[in-house]
């Protein structure tokens, strides 16, 4: 697994496995699992809140979109509480970046700043999914 800070207390990374939970628990208070195929069923770690947000890496169904928007709100709330959040998916460039980006937008970041900040942290291929960029562009930014 690999992860990078996108903003203070917000990391985006690739999928963890069960053995990575000790590391994650040392750097994050909240772990967001975004890859539909990697939800680590039954895994728990004391002191680590695990948000399971199973998403496909494609155009989202209505229920997936609702789930993603709710997760972005939850992540924004946890960041406001001063918690450290790590958002993950398989490669750490689309689904996890979408949830991190939604939280950033909820916290007042513009679409352009959100996209640039995530790409600066995760590389130019981050958020290559056109649909995810459209979601981020169209979600309202609230300060």
N, C-alpha and C. Protein backbone atom coordinates (compact mmCIF):
# COMPACT_ATOMS: atom_id res chain seq x y z
N UNK A 1 0.84 -1.18 0.00
CA UNK A 1 0.00 0.00 0.00
C UNK A 1 0.89 1.23 0.00
N UNK A 2 0.40 2.29 -0.64
CA UNK A 2 1.10 3.57 -0.59
C UNK A 2 0.06 4.67 -0.45
N UNK A 3 0.45 5.74 0.21
CA UNK A 3 -0.49 6.84 0.45
C UNK A 3 0.29 8.14 0.53
N UNK A 4 -0.40 9.22 0.18
CA UNK A 4 0.19 10.56 0.24
C UNK A 4 -0.79 11.50 0.90
N UNK A 5 -0.23 12.49 1.61
CA UNK A 5 -1.08 13.55 2.14
C UNK A 5 -1.54 14.42 0.98
N UNK A 6 -2.83 14.70 0.96
CA UNK A 6 -3.42 15.60 -0.02
C UNK A 6 -3.56 16.97 0.62
N UNK A 7 -4.06 17.00 1.83
CA UNK A 7 -4.12 18.20 2.65
C UNK A 7 -3.77 17.77 4.07
N UNK A 8 -3.68 18.72 4.96
CA UNK A 8 -3.42 18.38 6.36
C UNK A 8 -4.49 17.40 6.84
N UNK A 9 -4.07 16.30 7.38
CA UNK A 9 -4.95 15.27 7.94
C UNK A 9 -5.75 14.48 6.93
N UNK A 10 -5.52 14.66 5.63
CA UNK A 10 -6.25 13.91 4.61
C UNK A 10 -5.26 13.23 3.67
N UNK A 11 -5.30 11.89 3.66
CA UNK A 11 -4.43 11.10 2.81
C UNK A 11 -5.26 10.34 1.79
N UNK A 12 -4.66 10.08 0.63
CA UNK A 12 -5.25 9.23 -0.39
C UNK A 12 -4.23 8.15 -0.69
N UNK A 13 -4.73 6.90 -0.79
CA UNK A 13 -3.78 5.81 -1.03
C UNK A 13 -4.40 4.60 -1.67
N UNK A 14 -3.53 3.64 -1.93
CA UNK A 14 -3.95 2.38 -2.53
C UNK A 14 -4.52 1.46 -1.45
N UNK A 15 -5.09 0.36 -1.89
CA UNK A 15 -5.80 -0.55 -1.00
C UNK A 15 -4.89 -1.17 0.06
N UNK A 16 -5.32 -1.08 1.29
CA UNK A 16 -4.58 -1.77 2.35
C UNK A 16 -5.02 -3.22 2.42
N UNK A 17 -4.18 -4.04 3.02
CA UNK A 17 -4.61 -5.39 3.35
C UNK A 17 -4.66 -5.49 4.88
N UNK A 18 -5.05 -6.62 5.39
CA UNK A 18 -5.21 -6.79 6.84
C UNK A 18 -3.92 -6.46 7.59
N UNK A 19 -2.79 -6.80 6.99
CA UNK A 19 -1.50 -6.56 7.65
C UNK A 19 -1.14 -5.07 7.71
N UNK A 20 -1.79 -4.25 6.89
CA UNK A 20 -1.49 -2.82 6.87
C UNK A 20 -2.25 -2.04 7.96
N UNK A 21 -3.19 -2.67 8.64
CA UNK A 21 -4.04 -1.93 9.58
C UNK A 21 -3.26 -1.31 10.74
N UNK A 22 -2.18 -1.94 11.18
CA UNK A 22 -1.37 -1.34 12.24
C UNK A 22 -0.76 -0.03 11.76
N UNK A 23 -0.18 -0.06 10.55
CA UNK A 23 0.38 1.17 9.97
C UNK A 23 -0.70 2.24 9.83
N UNK A 24 -1.84 1.86 9.24
CA UNK A 24 -2.92 2.82 9.03
C UNK A 24 -3.36 3.41 10.36
N UNK A 25 -3.50 2.57 11.38
CA UNK A 25 -3.91 3.05 12.70
C UNK A 25 -2.93 4.03 13.33
N UNK A 26 -1.67 3.98 12.91
CA UNK A 26 -0.67 4.93 13.42
C UNK A 26 -0.74 6.29 12.73
N UNK A 27 -1.27 6.34 11.50
CA UNK A 27 -1.28 7.60 10.75
C UNK A 27 -2.68 8.16 10.52
N UNK A 28 -3.72 7.38 10.85
CA UNK A 28 -5.09 7.83 10.59
C UNK A 28 -6.02 7.41 11.72
N UNK A 29 -7.06 8.21 11.90
CA UNK A 29 -8.13 7.88 12.84
C UNK A 29 -9.31 7.24 12.11
N UNK A 30 -9.40 7.53 10.80
CA UNK A 30 -10.50 7.04 9.96
C UNK A 30 -9.91 6.47 8.68
N UNK A 31 -10.34 5.26 8.34
CA UNK A 31 -9.94 4.62 7.08
C UNK A 31 -11.19 4.48 6.22
N UNK A 32 -11.12 5.00 4.99
CA UNK A 32 -12.22 4.89 4.05
C UNK A 32 -11.84 3.87 2.99
N UNK A 33 -12.61 2.80 2.90
CA UNK A 33 -12.37 1.74 1.91
C UNK A 33 -13.33 1.95 0.75
N UNK A 34 -12.81 2.40 -0.39
CA UNK A 34 -13.66 2.76 -1.53
C UNK A 34 -13.73 1.70 -2.62
N UNK A 35 -12.79 0.78 -2.67
CA UNK A 35 -12.79 -0.24 -3.72
C UNK A 35 -13.84 -1.29 -3.40
N UNK A 36 -14.77 -1.47 -4.32
CA UNK A 36 -15.84 -2.45 -4.12
C UNK A 36 -15.27 -3.84 -3.83
N UNK A 37 -14.17 -4.18 -4.49
CA UNK A 37 -13.59 -5.50 -4.35
C UNK A 37 -12.64 -5.63 -3.16
N UNK A 38 -12.45 -4.57 -2.37
CA UNK A 38 -11.53 -4.63 -1.23
C UNK A 38 -12.14 -3.93 -0.02
N UNK A 39 -13.12 -4.55 0.59
CA UNK A 39 -13.79 -3.98 1.76
C UNK A 39 -13.29 -4.56 3.08
N UNK A 40 -12.32 -5.46 3.04
CA UNK A 40 -11.75 -6.10 4.23
C UNK A 40 -12.84 -6.54 5.21
N UNK A 41 -13.70 -7.45 4.76
CA UNK A 41 -14.81 -7.88 5.62
C UNK A 41 -14.31 -8.43 6.96
N UNK A 42 -14.98 -8.02 8.00
CA UNK A 42 -14.65 -8.51 9.33
C UNK A 42 -13.45 -7.85 9.98
N UNK A 43 -12.71 -7.04 9.25
CA UNK A 43 -11.52 -6.40 9.82
C UNK A 43 -11.91 -5.20 10.67
N UNK A 44 -11.30 -5.13 11.81
CA UNK A 44 -11.46 -3.99 12.70
C UNK A 44 -10.13 -3.73 13.37
N UNK A 45 -9.93 -2.51 13.81
CA UNK A 45 -8.75 -2.15 14.58
C UNK A 45 -9.19 -1.17 15.64
N UNK A 46 -8.87 -1.46 16.87
CA UNK A 46 -9.25 -0.58 17.96
C UNK A 46 -8.72 0.84 17.72
N UNK A 47 -9.60 1.82 17.87
CA UNK A 47 -9.22 3.21 17.69
C UNK A 47 -9.27 3.69 16.25
N UNK A 48 -9.58 2.80 15.31
CA UNK A 48 -9.64 3.17 13.90
C UNK A 48 -11.07 3.00 13.41
N UNK A 49 -11.69 4.09 13.00
CA UNK A 49 -13.02 4.03 12.41
C UNK A 49 -12.86 3.62 10.95
N UNK A 50 -13.59 2.60 10.54
CA UNK A 50 -13.52 2.14 9.16
C UNK A 50 -14.85 2.44 8.48
N UNK A 51 -14.78 3.28 7.44
CA UNK A 51 -15.96 3.60 6.63
C UNK A 51 -15.88 2.76 5.36
N UNK A 52 -16.86 1.92 5.16
CA UNK A 52 -16.89 1.07 3.97
C UNK A 52 -17.81 1.72 2.94
N UNK A 53 -17.21 2.13 1.82
CA UNK A 53 -17.91 2.85 0.76
C UNK A 53 -17.63 2.13 -0.56
N UNK A 54 -18.24 0.96 -0.76
CA UNK A 54 -17.93 0.19 -1.97
C UNK A 54 -18.41 0.86 -3.25
N UNK A 55 -17.45 1.21 -4.10
CA UNK A 55 -17.74 1.89 -5.37
C UNK A 55 -17.07 1.16 -6.52
N UNK A 56 -17.68 1.22 -7.69
CA UNK A 56 -17.03 0.74 -8.89
C UNK A 56 -16.21 1.89 -9.47
N UNK A 57 -15.25 1.56 -10.29
CA UNK A 57 -14.39 2.59 -10.90
C UNK A 57 -14.92 2.90 -12.29
N UNK A 58 -16.16 3.38 -12.33
CA UNK A 58 -16.87 3.61 -13.58
C UNK A 58 -17.95 4.66 -13.30
N UNK A 59 -18.88 4.82 -14.20
CA UNK A 59 -20.04 5.67 -13.93
C UNK A 59 -20.78 5.02 -12.76
N UNK A 60 -21.05 5.79 -11.74
CA UNK A 60 -21.68 5.25 -10.54
C UNK A 60 -23.18 5.07 -10.73
N UNK A 61 -23.70 4.03 -10.10
CA UNK A 61 -25.16 3.88 -10.04
C UNK A 61 -25.68 4.97 -9.11
N UNK A 62 -26.98 5.17 -9.12
CA UNK A 62 -27.57 6.18 -8.23
C UNK A 62 -27.23 5.88 -6.77
N UNK A 63 -27.34 4.63 -6.35
CA UNK A 63 -27.06 4.30 -4.96
C UNK A 63 -25.58 4.50 -4.63
N UNK A 64 -24.69 4.21 -5.59
CA UNK A 64 -23.26 4.46 -5.36
C UNK A 64 -22.99 5.96 -5.24
N UNK A 65 -23.64 6.76 -6.08
CA UNK A 65 -23.45 8.21 -6.01
C UNK A 65 -23.92 8.75 -4.67
N UNK A 66 -25.07 8.30 -4.21
CA UNK A 66 -25.58 8.72 -2.90
C UNK A 66 -24.58 8.32 -1.81
N UNK A 67 -24.06 7.09 -1.90
CA UNK A 67 -23.08 6.59 -0.93
C UNK A 67 -21.81 7.45 -0.96
N UNK A 68 -21.34 7.79 -2.16
CA UNK A 68 -20.12 8.59 -2.29
C UNK A 68 -20.31 9.99 -1.71
N UNK A 69 -21.44 10.62 -2.02
CA UNK A 69 -21.71 11.97 -1.50
C UNK A 69 -21.81 11.95 0.02
N UNK A 70 -22.45 10.92 0.58
CA UNK A 70 -22.55 10.81 2.04
C UNK A 70 -21.18 10.59 2.66
N UNK A 71 -20.35 9.81 2.00
CA UNK A 71 -18.99 9.58 2.51
C UNK A 71 -18.17 10.86 2.48
N UNK A 72 -18.31 11.64 1.42
CA UNK A 72 -17.62 12.93 1.36
C UNK A 72 -18.02 13.83 2.51
N UNK A 73 -19.32 13.83 2.83
CA UNK A 73 -19.82 14.62 3.97
C UNK A 73 -19.22 14.11 5.29
N UNK A 74 -19.19 12.78 5.45
CA UNK A 74 -18.63 12.19 6.68
C UNK A 74 -17.16 12.52 6.83
N UNK A 75 -16.42 12.40 5.74
CA UNK A 75 -14.98 12.70 5.79
C UNK A 75 -14.78 14.18 6.13
N UNK A 76 -15.55 15.07 5.51
CA UNK A 76 -15.44 16.50 5.83
C UNK A 76 -15.71 16.74 7.31
N UNK A 77 -16.73 16.06 7.85
CA UNK A 77 -17.06 16.22 9.28
C UNK A 77 -15.92 15.72 10.17
N UNK A 78 -15.33 14.57 9.80
CA UNK A 78 -14.23 14.03 10.61
C UNK A 78 -13.03 14.97 10.56
N UNK A 79 -12.76 15.54 9.39
CA UNK A 79 -11.65 16.49 9.28
C UNK A 79 -11.92 17.72 10.13
N UNK A 80 -13.15 18.19 10.14
CA UNK A 80 -13.52 19.35 10.96
C UNK A 80 -13.30 19.06 12.44
N UNK A 81 -13.48 17.79 12.83
CA UNK A 81 -13.25 17.37 14.23
C UNK A 81 -11.76 17.23 14.54
N UNK A 82 -10.91 17.41 13.52
CA UNK A 82 -9.46 17.28 13.71
C UNK A 82 -8.95 15.87 13.53
N UNK A 83 -9.78 14.99 13.01
CA UNK A 83 -9.36 13.60 12.81
C UNK A 83 -8.53 13.47 11.54
N UNK A 84 -7.67 12.47 11.55
CA UNK A 84 -6.83 12.15 10.39
C UNK A 84 -7.54 11.07 9.57
N UNK A 85 -7.67 11.32 8.28
CA UNK A 85 -8.44 10.42 7.40
C UNK A 85 -7.56 9.90 6.27
N UNK A 86 -7.67 8.58 6.01
CA UNK A 86 -7.01 7.98 4.86
C UNK A 86 -8.09 7.36 3.98
N UNK A 87 -8.20 7.85 2.75
CA UNK A 87 -9.17 7.34 1.78
C UNK A 87 -8.42 6.44 0.81
N UNK A 88 -8.90 5.19 0.62
CA UNK A 88 -8.18 4.23 -0.19
C UNK A 88 -9.08 3.56 -1.22
N UNK A 89 -8.46 3.11 -2.30
CA UNK A 89 -9.10 2.24 -3.30
C UNK A 89 -7.98 1.36 -3.84
N UNK A 90 -8.20 0.67 -4.93
CA UNK A 90 -7.18 -0.27 -5.40
C UNK A 90 -5.86 0.42 -5.73
N UNK A 91 -5.87 1.42 -6.61
CA UNK A 91 -4.64 2.10 -7.01
C UNK A 91 -4.44 3.43 -6.28
N UNK A 92 -5.50 3.92 -5.63
CA UNK A 92 -5.38 5.19 -4.92
C UNK A 92 -5.40 6.40 -5.83
N UNK A 93 -6.12 6.30 -6.96
CA UNK A 93 -6.13 7.45 -7.86
C UNK A 93 -7.51 7.89 -8.33
N UNK A 94 -8.52 7.07 -8.19
CA UNK A 94 -9.85 7.47 -8.66
C UNK A 94 -10.89 7.47 -7.54
N UNK A 95 -11.32 6.31 -7.09
CA UNK A 95 -12.39 6.25 -6.09
C UNK A 95 -11.99 6.93 -4.79
N UNK A 96 -10.80 6.64 -4.31
CA UNK A 96 -10.33 7.27 -3.06
C UNK A 96 -10.17 8.77 -3.25
N UNK A 97 -9.70 9.18 -4.43
CA UNK A 97 -9.54 10.60 -4.72
C UNK A 97 -10.90 11.29 -4.85
N UNK A 98 -11.90 10.58 -5.35
CA UNK A 98 -13.24 11.15 -5.42
C UNK A 98 -13.75 11.48 -4.03
N UNK A 99 -13.63 10.54 -3.10
CA UNK A 99 -14.13 10.78 -1.73
C UNK A 99 -13.34 11.91 -1.08
N UNK A 100 -12.03 11.91 -1.23
CA UNK A 100 -11.22 13.00 -0.68
C UNK A 100 -11.61 14.32 -1.32
N UNK A 101 -11.80 14.32 -2.64
CA UNK A 101 -12.19 15.53 -3.34
C UNK A 101 -13.56 16.05 -2.91
N UNK A 102 -14.50 15.15 -2.70
CA UNK A 102 -15.82 15.57 -2.21
C UNK A 102 -15.71 16.23 -0.84
N UNK A 103 -14.87 15.68 0.02
CA UNK A 103 -14.66 16.28 1.34
C UNK A 103 -14.01 17.66 1.21
N UNK A 104 -13.04 17.78 0.31
CA UNK A 104 -12.39 19.07 0.09
C UNK A 104 -13.38 20.10 -0.42
N UNK A 105 -14.22 19.70 -1.38
CA UNK A 105 -15.23 20.61 -1.91
C UNK A 105 -16.20 21.03 -0.81
N UNK A 106 -16.61 20.07 0.02
CA UNK A 106 -17.53 20.36 1.13
C UNK A 106 -16.91 21.38 2.09
N UNK A 107 -15.60 21.34 2.20
CA UNK A 107 -14.90 22.25 3.11
C UNK A 107 -14.50 23.57 2.44
N UNK A 108 -14.98 23.80 1.19
CA UNK A 108 -14.80 25.10 0.56
C UNK A 108 -13.79 25.18 -0.56
N UNK A 109 -13.12 24.09 -0.89
CA UNK A 109 -12.14 24.11 -1.96
C UNK A 109 -12.83 24.20 -3.32
N UNK A 110 -12.27 24.98 -4.22
CA UNK A 110 -12.81 25.07 -5.57
C UNK A 110 -12.52 23.77 -6.32
N UNK A 111 -13.23 23.56 -7.41
CA UNK A 111 -12.99 22.38 -8.23
C UNK A 111 -11.54 22.36 -8.72
N UNK A 112 -11.07 23.48 -9.25
CA UNK A 112 -9.71 23.56 -9.80
C UNK A 112 -8.66 23.26 -8.73
N UNK A 113 -8.81 23.87 -7.57
CA UNK A 113 -7.85 23.64 -6.48
C UNK A 113 -7.89 22.19 -6.02
N UNK A 114 -9.08 21.64 -5.92
CA UNK A 114 -9.23 20.24 -5.50
C UNK A 114 -8.51 19.31 -6.47
N UNK A 115 -8.77 19.47 -7.75
CA UNK A 115 -8.14 18.62 -8.76
C UNK A 115 -6.62 18.78 -8.74
N UNK A 116 -6.14 20.00 -8.72
CA UNK A 116 -4.70 20.25 -8.71
C UNK A 116 -4.03 19.69 -7.46
N UNK A 117 -4.66 19.86 -6.32
CA UNK A 117 -4.09 19.39 -5.06
C UNK A 117 -3.98 17.87 -5.04
N UNK A 118 -5.04 17.20 -5.48
CA UNK A 118 -5.01 15.73 -5.51
C UNK A 118 -3.97 15.24 -6.52
N UNK A 119 -3.90 15.85 -7.68
CA UNK A 119 -2.91 15.43 -8.69
C UNK A 119 -1.49 15.74 -8.25
N UNK A 120 -1.29 16.84 -7.53
CA UNK A 120 0.04 17.13 -7.00
C UNK A 120 0.49 16.03 -6.05
N UNK A 121 -0.44 15.50 -5.27
CA UNK A 121 -0.12 14.47 -4.28
C UNK A 121 -0.01 13.08 -4.90
N UNK A 122 -0.94 12.73 -5.81
CA UNK A 122 -1.05 11.36 -6.30
C UNK A 122 -0.57 11.17 -7.75
N UNK A 123 -0.22 12.25 -8.41
CA UNK A 123 0.28 12.15 -9.77
C UNK A 123 -0.75 12.61 -10.79
N UNK A 124 -0.30 12.89 -12.01
CA UNK A 124 -1.19 13.45 -13.04
C UNK A 124 -2.30 12.49 -13.48
N UNK A 125 -2.14 11.20 -13.21
CA UNK A 125 -3.18 10.24 -13.59
C UNK A 125 -4.33 10.20 -12.58
N UNK A 126 -4.17 10.85 -11.45
CA UNK A 126 -5.24 10.86 -10.44
C UNK A 126 -6.49 11.51 -11.01
N UNK A 127 -7.61 10.92 -10.68
CA UNK A 127 -8.92 11.37 -11.16
C UNK A 127 -8.99 11.41 -12.68
N UNK A 128 -8.48 10.37 -13.33
CA UNK A 128 -8.61 10.29 -14.78
C UNK A 128 -10.02 9.90 -15.20
N UNK A 129 -10.84 9.42 -14.27
CA UNK A 129 -12.22 9.04 -14.56
C UNK A 129 -13.03 10.31 -14.83
N UNK A 130 -13.46 10.49 -16.08
CA UNK A 130 -14.21 11.69 -16.48
C UNK A 130 -15.47 11.89 -15.64
N UNK A 131 -16.16 10.81 -15.35
CA UNK A 131 -17.39 10.90 -14.58
C UNK A 131 -17.11 11.42 -13.17
N UNK A 132 -16.05 10.93 -12.53
CA UNK A 132 -15.72 11.40 -11.18
C UNK A 132 -15.38 12.89 -11.18
N UNK A 133 -14.65 13.33 -12.22
CA UNK A 133 -14.34 14.77 -12.32
C UNK A 133 -15.62 15.57 -12.50
N UNK A 134 -16.56 15.05 -13.27
CA UNK A 134 -17.85 15.73 -13.45
C UNK A 134 -18.59 15.85 -12.12
N UNK A 135 -18.59 14.77 -11.34
CA UNK A 135 -19.23 14.81 -10.02
C UNK A 135 -18.58 15.91 -9.17
N UNK A 136 -17.27 15.93 -9.13
CA UNK A 136 -16.57 16.95 -8.33
C UNK A 136 -16.85 18.36 -8.83
N UNK A 137 -16.91 18.52 -10.14
CA UNK A 137 -17.17 19.83 -10.72
C UNK A 137 -18.57 20.33 -10.35
N UNK A 138 -19.54 19.42 -10.32
CA UNK A 138 -20.94 19.81 -10.12
C UNK A 138 -21.39 19.86 -8.68
N UNK A 139 -20.60 19.32 -7.77
CA UNK A 139 -21.00 19.38 -6.36
C UNK A 139 -20.75 20.80 -5.84
N UNK A 140 -21.64 21.27 -4.99
CA UNK A 140 -21.46 22.64 -4.50
C UNK A 140 -20.37 22.70 -3.45
N UNK A 141 -19.61 23.77 -3.51
CA UNK A 141 -18.53 24.01 -2.57
C UNK A 141 -19.10 24.88 -1.46
N UNK A 142 -18.99 24.37 -0.22
CA UNK A 142 -19.53 25.10 0.93
C UNK A 142 -18.41 25.42 1.89
N UNK A 143 -18.30 26.63 2.29
CA UNK A 143 -17.25 27.03 3.23
C UNK A 143 -17.63 26.69 4.64
